Amino acid sequence: MARSSTRPTSRDVARAAGVSQAAVSLVLGDKWRGRVSETTAQRVRQAATDLGYRPNLAARNLRLGHTRTVLLVVPALTTEFFAGVYTGAARVAAQHGFGVVLYPSPEGVGPARDPFASAQAALDGVIASSMAADALTAISGDQLPLVMLDSDPAGSLGAATVNLDITDGVRQVTDHLLALGHRHLLHLAADIPSWTFHIRARELADRLTTTPGTRLTTTRAPITIDAARAATEAALTAPGPRPTAIVCDDDKLAAGAYKAARRLGLRIPDDLSVTGLDDLALATALDPELTTVRLDAELFGERGMQALLAVLDGREPHHGDIPVQLIPRASTAPPRPS
């Protein structure tokens, strides 16, 4: 039988299945369990397939107040890590009929202009990195269902918080260097006032206090290679004993440390061990390859989206930090005997 050129409606599906329109809405909205029988649900789905029925999502969204759109707010689009976070979040979102809009906070910090006429009307929820948290107020993201990434669970703005186990990552790096025999460490810290970098510094300092005879020097730099190079050169040429290892908050900072070492005629790892954190593609492009901590950015994004879906559905999100893994490579070795 030839199909009509007119787009089939839910009324047509109801008529073909011999049920009410309300039953069609329940079945196609996957809310039929306990309300209609399995046999009826199957009959409705078959009728919809036979008729080529597709729900009018725009009308449904207007009626129910849902757009099935989520905003992912990140510090920058040029970072490989946040590209992975988006990939993971979008993968899970697509499995549940949601779309993800990616929005960078200008310069990684500060307020952001609302990309919508009204974010609250255009979005169902927000996933935001703590480094981009200042952007939320301007887009009223803090008034929407919100999941925070890389954020202090005790002080989070969100209904849920998803974290990588950064504390354990720093512990693994520190234990690795201590086991090699290093006792004077330079912390090349990211000059960004965010929780994730605060806990890196705190864990490094706390871990060293439990080992006698250790010394920690800290220098800060924005996460750029040139800034990291300049900060490292200044720290390595300062008066007093030179550190034998550098703990970097980020692989890009580590690349700057490599440049500083070469300018000063120091060999890695013979004269100076260097570690990073992220395990970006850059880590294996450096020579020697960088010892770093692998962060699963895509899993991070997946967990963030799963947490937001749970919040939207009134369920309790999954708890527990995402494990991270030290990847030892050729940039670390025992220090030279003094």
Protein backbone atom coordinates (compact mmCIF):
# COMPACT_ATOMS: atom_id res chain seq x y z
CA MET A 1 0.00 0.00 0.00
CA ALA A 2 1.39 3.38 -0.97
CA ARG A 3 2.09 5.76 1.90
CA SER A 4 0.44 9.14 2.04
CA SER A 5 2.67 12.11 1.22
CA THR A 6 1.44 13.68 4.46
CA ARG A 7 3.78 13.11 7.40
CA PRO A 8 2.22 10.52 9.74
CA THR A 9 1.18 11.72 13.20
CA SER A 10 0.92 10.07 16.59
CA ARG A 11 -2.85 9.91 15.96
CA ASP A 12 -2.16 7.77 12.88
CA VAL A 13 0.07 5.47 14.95
CA ALA A 14 -2.62 5.21 17.65
CA ARG A 15 -5.26 4.34 15.07
CA ALA A 16 -3.07 1.70 13.41
CA ALA A 17 -2.15 0.12 16.75
CA GLY A 18 -5.66 0.34 18.15
CA VAL A 19 -4.58 2.35 21.20
CA SER A 20 -4.92 5.88 22.54
CA GLN A 21 -2.54 8.71 21.68
CA ALA A 22 -1.54 8.77 25.33
CA ALA A 23 -0.37 5.16 25.02
CA VAL A 24 1.65 6.07 21.92
CA SER A 25 3.35 8.91 23.82
CA LEU A 26 4.19 6.59 26.71
CA VAL A 27 5.66 3.91 24.48
CA LEU A 28 7.65 6.17 22.16
CA GLY A 29 8.86 8.22 25.13
CA ASP A 30 10.01 4.97 26.77
CA LYS A 31 7.79 5.58 29.82
CA TRP A 32 5.32 2.72 29.23
CA ARG A 33 6.57 0.18 31.77
CA GLY A 34 3.94 -0.42 34.42
CA ARG A 35 1.39 1.54 32.41
CA VAL A 36 0.81 -0.52 29.26
CA SER A 37 1.58 -4.14 28.48
CA GLU A 38 4.64 -5.39 26.63
CA THR A 39 2.35 -6.63 23.86
CA THR A 40 0.77 -3.19 23.46
CA ALA A 41 4.19 -1.51 23.47
CA GLN A 42 5.39 -3.83 20.74
CA ARG A 43 2.25 -3.14 18.68
CA VAL A 44 2.81 0.62 18.96
CA ARG A 45 6.46 0.36 17.94
CA GLN A 46 5.58 -1.82 14.97
CA ALA A 47 2.85 0.60 13.84
CA ALA A 48 5.27 3.52 14.09
CA THR A 49 7.84 1.61 12.02
CA ASP A 50 5.28 0.59 9.38
CA LEU A 51 4.03 4.17 9.02
CA GLY A 52 7.52 5.71 9.04
CA TYR A 53 6.49 7.86 11.99
CA ARG A 54 9.10 10.24 13.43
CA PRO A 55 8.21 12.35 16.48
CA ASN A 56 8.24 16.11 16.09
CA LEU A 57 11.05 16.77 18.55
CA ALA A 58 10.85 20.54 18.25
CA ALA A 59 7.19 20.56 19.25
CA ARG A 60 7.81 18.01 21.98
CA ASN A 61 10.66 20.05 23.41
CA LEU A 62 8.56 23.21 23.47
CA ARG A 63 5.72 21.36 25.19
CA LEU A 64 7.86 19.60 27.80
CA GLY A 65 10.45 22.34 28.27
CA HIS A 66 13.39 20.14 27.22
CA THR A 67 15.79 20.77 24.35
CA ARG A 68 17.96 17.66 24.85
CA THR A 69 20.98 19.95 24.56
CA VAL A 70 23.87 20.19 27.02
CA LEU A 71 26.56 22.87 27.24
CA LEU A 72 30.15 21.79 27.90
CA VAL A 73 32.14 24.77 29.22
CA VAL A 74 35.92 24.38 29.00
CA PRO A 75 38.90 26.74 29.42
CA ALA A 76 40.07 26.51 25.81
CA LEU A 77 39.48 24.72 22.53
CA THR A 78 43.17 24.46 21.70
CA THR A 79 43.89 21.88 24.41
CA GLU A 80 44.09 18.25 23.36
CA PHE A 81 42.83 17.15 26.78
CA PHE A 82 39.52 19.02 26.52
CA ALA A 83 39.03 17.75 22.98
CA GLY A 84 39.06 14.28 24.53
CA VAL A 85 36.60 15.35 27.24
CA TYR A 86 34.22 16.59 24.54
CA THR A 87 34.56 13.36 22.53
CA GLY A 88 33.64 11.25 25.55
CA ALA A 89 30.74 13.46 26.60
CA ALA A 90 29.32 13.63 23.07
CA ARG A 91 29.53 9.85 22.68
CA VAL A 92 27.39 9.20 25.76
CA ALA A 93 25.05 12.08 24.93
CA ALA A 94 24.36 10.69 21.45
CA GLN A 95 23.45 7.31 22.93
CA HIS A 96 20.69 9.07 24.89
CA GLY A 97 19.45 11.42 22.18
CA PHE A 98 21.26 14.50 23.48
CA GLY A 99 23.52 16.96 21.71
CA VAL A 100 26.53 18.70 23.24
CA VAL A 101 27.47 22.31 22.50
CA LEU A 102 31.11 23.10 23.27
CA TYR A 103 31.80 26.55 24.67
CA PRO A 104 35.19 27.97 25.69
CA SER A 105 35.57 30.46 28.51
CA PRO A 106 37.56 33.42 27.10
CA GLU A 107 41.28 33.05 27.88
CA GLY A 108 40.35 30.16 30.16
CA VAL A 109 39.28 32.49 32.96
CA GLY A 110 36.75 35.22 33.60
CA PRO A 111 33.09 35.69 32.65
CA ALA A 112 31.76 34.57 29.29
CA ARG A 113 29.12 36.12 27.08
CA ASP A 114 25.87 34.15 26.93
CA PRO A 115 26.00 32.33 23.55
CA PHE A 116 22.21 32.05 23.57
CA ALA A 117 19.38 34.52 23.85
CA SER A 118 18.64 32.66 27.06
CA ALA A 119 20.79 29.76 28.16
CA GLN A 120 18.12 28.56 30.56
CA ALA A 121 15.61 28.31 27.71
CA ALA A 122 18.07 26.73 25.26
CA LEU A 123 19.72 24.13 27.48
CA ASP A 124 18.82 21.18 29.67
CA GLY A 125 22.06 21.24 31.65
CA VAL A 126 25.72 22.22 31.86
CA ILE A 127 28.99 20.35 32.34
CA ALA A 128 31.82 22.69 33.31
CA SER A 129 35.49 22.46 34.15
CA SER A 130 36.44 24.20 37.37
CA MET A 131 38.93 26.29 35.36
CA ALA A 132 36.00 27.74 33.43
CA ALA A 133 33.64 28.15 36.39
CA ASP A 134 33.60 31.96 36.17
CA ALA A 135 31.82 31.65 32.84
CA LEU A 136 28.77 30.07 34.47
CA THR A 137 27.32 33.17 36.07
CA ALA A 138 27.10 35.14 32.82
CA ILE A 139 25.26 32.33 31.03
CA SER A 140 23.14 31.49 34.10
CA GLY A 141 24.72 28.06 33.97
CA ASP A 142 24.77 27.97 37.76
CA GLN A 143 20.95 28.02 37.68
CA LEU A 144 20.71 24.96 35.42
CA PRO A 145 21.33 21.30 36.31
CA LEU A 146 25.11 21.38 36.61
CA VAL A 147 27.95 18.86 36.80
CA MET A 148 31.39 20.16 37.69
CA LEU A 149 34.61 18.55 36.43
CA ASP A 150 37.94 18.82 38.24
CA SER A 151 36.32 20.61 41.14
CA ASP A 152 36.41 20.53 44.94
CA PRO A 153 33.54 18.23 45.95
CA ALA A 154 33.15 20.12 49.24
CA GLY A 155 32.64 23.49 47.56
CA SER A 156 31.25 22.58 44.14
CA LEU A 157 28.48 24.64 42.56
CA GLY A 158 27.11 21.56 40.86
CA ALA A 159 24.57 18.89 41.69
CA ALA A 160 27.39 16.40 41.03
CA THR A 161 31.17 16.51 40.76
CA VAL A 162 33.37 14.25 38.62
CA ASN A 163 37.10 14.12 39.27
CA LEU A 164 40.18 12.33 38.07
CA ASP A 165 42.30 11.02 40.95
CA ILE A 166 44.87 13.78 40.54
CA THR A 167 46.03 13.38 44.14
CA ASP A 168 47.05 9.80 43.44
CA GLY A 169 48.70 10.88 40.18
CA VAL A 170 50.95 13.34 42.01
CA ARG A 171 51.64 10.68 44.64
CA GLN A 172 52.72 8.22 41.94
CA VAL A 173 55.06 10.80 40.36
CA THR A 174 56.58 11.77 43.70
CA ASP A 175 57.09 8.17 44.82
CA HIS A 176 58.71 7.38 41.46
CA LEU A 177 61.24 10.21 41.84
CA LEU A 178 61.92 9.43 45.50
CA ALA A 179 62.51 5.76 44.65
CA LEU A 180 65.09 6.86 42.07
CA GLY A 181 66.90 8.77 44.80
CA HIS A 182 65.86 12.38 44.12
CA ARG A 183 65.62 14.58 47.20
CA HIS A 184 65.61 18.13 45.79
CA LEU A 185 62.58 18.70 43.56
CA LEU A 186 61.48 21.76 41.60
CA HIS A 187 57.72 22.10 41.18
CA LEU A 188 56.92 23.88 37.91
CA ALA A 189 53.38 24.85 38.84
CA ALA A 190 50.64 26.14 36.54
CA ASP A 191 49.95 29.79 37.32
CA ILE A 192 46.17 29.27 37.32
CA PRO A 193 44.05 29.77 40.46
CA SER A 194 42.00 26.57 40.30
CA TRP A 195 41.31 23.66 42.64
CA THR A 196 42.99 21.05 40.48
CA PHE A 197 46.34 22.85 40.54
CA HIS A 198 46.01 23.67 44.23
CA ILE A 199 45.68 20.00 45.18
CA ARG A 200 48.69 19.08 43.02
CA ALA A 201 50.86 21.51 44.97
CA ARG A 202 49.40 20.39 48.29
CA GLU A 203 49.89 16.67 47.64
CA LEU A 204 53.46 17.16 46.42
CA ALA A 205 54.37 19.18 49.52
CA ASP A 206 52.61 16.75 51.87
CA ARG A 207 54.29 13.73 50.32
CA LEU A 208 57.76 15.24 50.65
CA THR A 209 57.25 16.13 54.31
CA THR A 210 57.02 12.42 55.10
CA THR A 211 60.48 11.76 53.59
CA PRO A 212 63.46 13.08 55.58
CA GLY A 213 66.12 15.12 53.80
CA THR A 214 63.90 16.36 50.97
CA ARG A 215 63.67 19.89 49.65
CA LEU A 216 60.96 21.45 47.46
CA THR A 217 61.32 24.61 45.39
CA THR A 218 58.33 26.05 43.55
CA THR A 219 58.15 28.32 40.52
CA ARG A 220 55.00 29.26 38.60
CA ALA A 221 54.26 29.86 34.94
CA PRO A 222 51.26 30.17 32.64
CA ILE A 223 50.70 26.99 30.63
CA THR A 224 52.76 27.99 27.62
CA ILE A 225 56.09 26.56 26.50
CA ASP A 226 57.86 29.94 26.42
CA ALA A 227 56.64 30.93 29.89
CA ALA A 228 57.65 27.53 31.27
CA ARG A 229 61.09 27.83 29.69
CA ALA A 230 61.69 31.26 31.22
CA ALA A 231 60.47 30.23 34.68
CA THR A 232 62.57 27.05 34.63
CA GLU A 233 65.73 28.89 33.51
CA ALA A 234 65.31 31.36 36.34
CA ALA A 235 64.77 28.60 38.92
CA LEU A 236 67.72 26.48 37.74
CA THR A 237 70.15 29.42 37.74
CA ALA A 238 69.10 30.77 41.16
CA PRO A 239 71.74 30.75 43.92
CA GLY A 240 72.08 27.53 45.90
CA PRO A 241 71.98 23.82 45.07
CA ARG A 242 70.27 22.96 41.79
CA PRO A 243 67.22 20.65 41.88
CA THR A 244 67.78 17.21 40.40
CA ALA A 245 64.20 16.71 39.20
CA ILE A 246 61.34 18.88 37.96
CA VAL A 247 57.69 17.98 38.62
CA CYS A 248 55.52 19.75 36.03
CA ASP A 249 51.76 20.31 36.39
CA ASP A 250 51.24 19.75 32.67
CA ASP A 251 53.03 18.17 29.71
CA LYS A 252 53.27 21.54 27.95
CA LEU A 253 55.07 22.96 30.98
CA ALA A 254 57.43 19.99 30.76
CA ALA A 255 58.22 20.89 27.15
CA GLY A 256 59.26 24.34 28.35
CA ALA A 257 61.45 22.75 31.02
CA TYR A 258 63.15 20.68 28.30
CA LYS A 259 64.00 23.87 26.38
CA ALA A 260 65.38 25.52 29.50
CA ALA A 261 67.56 22.51 30.29
CA ARG A 262 69.04 22.46 26.79
CA ARG A 263 69.78 26.20 26.88
CA LEU A 264 71.64 25.66 30.13
CA GLY A 265 73.59 22.70 28.73
CA LEU A 266 71.86 20.18 30.98
CA ARG A 267 71.03 16.70 29.71
CA ILE A 268 67.75 14.94 30.47
CA PRO A 269 67.75 12.64 32.42
CA ASP A 270 71.51 12.52 33.14
CA ASP A 271 71.64 15.95 34.79
CA LEU A 272 67.96 16.57 35.37
CA SER A 273 64.85 14.37 35.51
CA VAL A 274 61.55 15.82 34.28
CA THR A 275 57.95 14.62 34.75
CA GLY A 276 54.66 15.83 33.30
CA LEU A 277 50.98 15.24 33.84
CA ASP A 278 48.33 14.50 31.14
CA ASP A 279 50.10 12.14 28.71
CA LEU A 280 49.31 14.26 25.68
CA ALA A 281 50.67 13.31 22.25
CA LEU A 282 53.44 15.80 23.05
CA ALA A 283 54.80 13.44 25.71
CA THR A 284 56.13 10.96 23.16
CA ALA A 285 57.18 13.68 20.70
CA LEU A 286 59.71 15.01 23.20
CA ASP A 287 63.23 13.56 23.20
CA PRO A 288 63.73 11.77 25.50
CA GLU A 289 60.12 10.68 25.84
CA LEU A 290 58.41 12.14 28.90
CA THR A 291 57.55 10.32 32.10
CA THR A 292 54.04 11.52 32.87
CA VAL A 293 50.65 10.61 34.34
CA ARG A 294 48.02 9.38 31.93
CA LEU A 295 44.62 11.03 32.35
CA ASP A 296 41.78 9.38 30.41
CA ALA A 297 40.12 12.50 29.00
CA GLU A 298 37.44 10.62 27.05
CA LEU A 299 36.41 8.58 30.09
CA PHE A 300 36.34 11.85 32.05
CA GLY A 301 33.88 13.30 29.52
CA GLU A 302 31.81 10.12 29.52
CA ARG A 303 31.52 10.14 33.31
CA GLY A 304 30.59 13.82 33.27
CA MET A 305 27.76 13.24 30.81
CA GLN A 306 26.58 10.14 32.68
CA ALA A 307 26.46 12.16 35.89
CA LEU A 308 24.40 14.91 34.24
CA LEU A 309 21.98 12.36 32.79
CA ALA A 310 21.56 10.92 36.28
CA VAL A 311 20.86 14.39 37.71
CA LEU A 312 18.31 15.12 34.97
CA ASP A 313 16.65 11.76 35.65
CA GLY A 314 16.58 12.23 39.41
CA ARG A 315 19.06 9.42 40.02
CA GLU A 316 22.17 9.36 42.21
CA PRO A 317 25.31 9.86 40.05
CA HIS A 318 28.21 7.41 40.19
CA HIS A 319 30.70 8.19 42.95
CA GLY A 320 34.45 7.68 43.03
CA ASP A 321 37.37 9.38 41.30
CA ILE A 322 38.64 8.08 37.95
CA PRO A 323 41.97 6.24 38.34
CA VAL A 324 45.09 7.66 36.69
CA GLN A 325 48.35 5.92 35.77
CA LEU A 326 52.02 6.87 35.88
CA ILE A 327 53.74 6.14 32.54
CA PRO A 328 57.50 5.90 33.21
CA ARG A 329 59.60 6.82 30.17
CA ALA A 330 63.15 8.00 29.47
CA SER A 331 63.00 11.46 31.06
CA THR A 332 63.62 10.18 34.60
CA ALA A 333 66.66 8.42 36.06
CA PRO A 334 68.60 8.35 39.34
CA PRO A 335 70.41 11.63 40.11
CA ARG A 336 74.13 11.89 39.63
CA PRO A 337 76.14 11.34 42.80
CA SER A 338 77.07 14.72 44.28
